[in-house]
Amino acid sequence: MGRQAEGPSRPAVGYNRHMKTTRRLTAIIERDDDAYVALCPELDIASQGLTVEAARSNLVEALELFFESADPTEVARRLHGEVFVTQVEVAIG
């Protein structure tokens, strides 16, 4: 028997036709006693964790939940354009 021609390929089960886009945001993570706090200044969203990695991961989750549930006008209202993270030197004493 000859080989049958395969039909058109079908997307895998659970395939989402809508490609998710990504956005690069800033994460500022600092120690707070025995935990770490992660802040996204562009949206003023924060999270925390017991390690730097956990704080970062929890912030990503909080941001994803925000983008999934927020109305586009809420995103536009909260989203700050450019954020610059730098250090400054100041005189003290």
C-alpha atoms as a PDB file:
ATOM      1  CA  MET A   1       0.000   0.000   0.000  1.00  0.00           C
ATOM      2  CA  GLY A   2       1.170   3.466  -0.805  1.00  0.00           C
ATOM      3  CA  ARG A   3       1.469   6.216   1.711  1.00  0.00           C
ATOM      4  CA  GLN A   4      -1.586   8.421   2.042  1.00  0.00           C
ATOM      5  CA  ALA A   5      -1.159  12.127   1.558  1.00  0.00           C
ATOM      6  CA  GLU A   6      -1.490  14.006   4.787  1.00  0.00           C
ATOM      7  CA  GLY A   7      -4.220  16.575   5.103  1.00  0.00           C
ATOM      8  CA  PRO A   8      -3.612  20.190   6.030  1.00  0.00           C
ATOM      9  CA  SER A   9      -1.774  20.626   9.282  1.00  0.00           C
ATOM     10  CA  ARG A  10      -3.890  21.509  12.268  1.00  0.00           C
ATOM     11  CA  PRO A  11      -2.873  23.553  15.251  1.00  0.00           C
ATOM     12  CA  ALA A  12      -2.096  21.610  18.394  1.00  0.00           C
ATOM     13  CA  VAL A  13      -4.822  21.262  20.982  1.00  0.00           C
ATOM     14  CA  GLY A  14      -4.913  24.388  23.127  1.00  0.00           C
ATOM     15  CA  TYR A  15      -3.122  26.437  20.471  1.00  0.00           C
ATOM     16  CA  ASN A  16      -3.887  30.127  20.817  1.00  0.00           C
ATOM     17  CA  ARG A  17      -4.219  31.880  17.472  1.00  0.00           C
ATOM     18  CA  HIS A  18      -3.520  35.222  19.111  1.00  0.00           C
ATOM     19  CA  MET A  19       0.189  35.610  19.646  1.00  0.00           C
ATOM     20  CA  LYS A  20       0.977  37.174  22.980  1.00  0.00           C
ATOM     21  CA  THR A  21       3.129  40.242  22.816  1.00  0.00           C
ATOM     22  CA  THR A  22       5.701  41.138  25.379  1.00  0.00           C
ATOM     23  CA  ARG A  23       6.743  44.429  26.874  1.00  0.00           C
ATOM     24  CA  ARG A  24      10.022  45.211  28.603  1.00  0.00           C
ATOM     25  CA  LEU A  25       9.408  46.874  31.966  1.00  0.00           C
ATOM     26  CA  THR A  26      11.693  47.951  34.800  1.00  0.00           C
ATOM     27  CA  ALA A  27      11.977  45.955  38.022  1.00  0.00           C
ATOM     28  CA  ILE A  28      13.630  47.580  41.022  1.00  0.00           C
ATOM     29  CA  ILE A  29      14.298  45.064  43.771  1.00  0.00           C
ATOM     30  CA  GLU A  30      15.459  45.987  47.238  1.00  0.00           C
ATOM     31  CA  ARG A  31      15.902  44.191  50.525  1.00  0.00           C
ATOM     32  CA  ASP A  32      13.320  44.946  53.196  1.00  0.00           C
ATOM     33  CA  ASP A  33      14.321  43.273  56.476  1.00  0.00           C
ATOM     34  CA  ASP A  34      14.269  39.537  55.701  1.00  0.00           C
ATOM     35  CA  ALA A  35      12.404  39.760  52.376  1.00  0.00           C
ATOM     36  CA  TYR A  36      12.747  41.519  49.026  1.00  0.00           C
ATOM     37  CA  VAL A  37      10.356  44.023  47.471  1.00  0.00           C
ATOM     38  CA  ALA A  38      10.111  44.309  43.695  1.00  0.00           C
ATOM     39  CA  LEU A  39       8.639  47.445  42.117  1.00  0.00           C
ATOM     40  CA  CYS A  40       7.707  48.193  38.526  1.00  0.00           C
ATOM     41  CA  PRO A  41       7.860  52.016  38.396  1.00  0.00           C
ATOM     42  CA  GLU A  42       6.189  52.256  34.984  1.00  0.00           C
ATOM     43  CA  LEU A  43       2.919  50.958  36.452  1.00  0.00           C
ATOM     44  CA  ASP A  44       3.506  51.471  40.186  1.00  0.00           C
ATOM     45  CA  ILE A  45       2.940  47.773  40.855  1.00  0.00           C
ATOM     46  CA  ALA A  46       4.908  45.961  43.539  1.00  0.00           C
ATOM     47  CA  SER A  47       5.301  42.474  44.921  1.00  0.00           C
ATOM     48  CA  GLN A  48       7.618  40.701  47.328  1.00  0.00           C
ATOM     49  CA  GLY A  49       9.391  37.423  47.987  1.00  0.00           C
ATOM     50  CA  LEU A  50      11.862  35.783  50.323  1.00  0.00           C
ATOM     51  CA  THR A  51      14.582  35.842  47.641  1.00  0.00           C
ATOM     52  CA  VAL A  52      15.446  38.197  44.792  1.00  0.00           C
ATOM     53  CA  GLU A  53      14.290  35.549  42.313  1.00  0.00           C
ATOM     54  CA  ALA A  54      10.976  35.033  44.140  1.00  0.00           C
ATOM     55  CA  ALA A  55      10.323  38.780  44.321  1.00  0.00           C
ATOM     56  CA  ARG A  56      11.051  39.116  40.591  1.00  0.00           C
ATOM     57  CA  SER A  57       8.856  36.131  39.709  1.00  0.00           C
ATOM     58  CA  ASN A  58       6.006  37.410  41.889  1.00  0.00           C
ATOM     59  CA  LEU A  59       6.274  40.836  40.227  1.00  0.00           C
ATOM     60  CA  VAL A  60       6.052  39.249  36.769  1.00  0.00           C
ATOM     61  CA  GLU A  61       2.940  37.365  37.891  1.00  0.00           C
ATOM     62  CA  ALA A  62       1.367  40.543  39.322  1.00  0.00           C
ATOM     63  CA  LEU A  63       2.088  42.430  36.095  1.00  0.00           C
ATOM     64  CA  GLU A  64       0.645  39.656  33.929  1.00  0.00           C
ATOM     65  CA  LEU A  65      -2.510  39.582  36.050  1.00  0.00           C
ATOM     66  CA  PHE A  66      -2.776  43.360  35.758  1.00  0.00           C
ATOM     67  CA  PHE A  67      -2.514  43.262  31.956  1.00  0.00           C
ATOM     68  CA  GLU A  68      -5.028  40.380  31.759  1.00  0.00           C
ATOM     69  CA  SER A  69      -7.647  42.130  33.869  1.00  0.00           C
ATOM     70  CA  ALA A  70      -7.138  45.874  33.415  1.00  0.00           C
ATOM     71  CA  ASP A  71      -9.144  47.888  30.957  1.00  0.00           C
ATOM     72  CA  PRO A  72      -6.979  49.521  28.235  1.00  0.00           C
ATOM     73  CA  THR A  73      -7.829  52.966  29.617  1.00  0.00           C
ATOM     74  CA  GLU A  74      -6.556  51.881  33.053  1.00  0.00           C
ATOM     75  CA  VAL A  75      -3.309  50.648  31.487  1.00  0.00           C
ATOM     76  CA  ALA A  76      -2.876  53.932  29.601  1.00  0.00           C
ATOM     77  CA  ARG A  77      -3.647  55.977  32.720  1.00  0.00           C
ATOM     78  CA  ARG A  78      -1.147  54.127  34.897  1.00  0.00           C
ATOM     79  CA  LEU A  79       1.629  53.541  32.376  1.00  0.00           C
ATOM     80  CA  HIS A  80       4.459  56.016  32.756  1.00  0.00           C
ATOM     81  CA  GLY A  81       6.435  56.543  29.567  1.00  0.00           C
ATOM     82  CA  GLU A  82      10.158  56.455  30.008  1.00  0.00           C
ATOM     83  CA  VAL A  83      11.728  55.500  33.309  1.00  0.00           C
ATOM     84  CA  PHE A  84      15.396  56.152  33.929  1.00  0.00           C
ATOM     85  CA  VAL A  85      17.200  54.318  36.707  1.00  0.00           C
ATOM     86  CA  THR A  86      20.474  55.905  37.735  1.00  0.00           C
ATOM     87  CA  GLN A  87      22.515  56.816  40.781  1.00  0.00           C
ATOM     88  CA  VAL A  88      23.230  60.294  42.064  1.00  0.00           C
ATOM     89  CA  GLU A  89      25.885  61.602  44.379  1.00  0.00           C
ATOM     90  CA  VAL A  90      24.803  64.020  47.099  1.00  0.00           C
ATOM     91  CA  ALA A  91      26.670  65.888  49.797  1.00  0.00           C
ATOM     92  CA  ILE A  92      25.801  64.854  53.322  1.00  0.00           C
ATOM     93  CA  GLY A  93      26.810  66.361  56.638  1.00  0.00           C
END
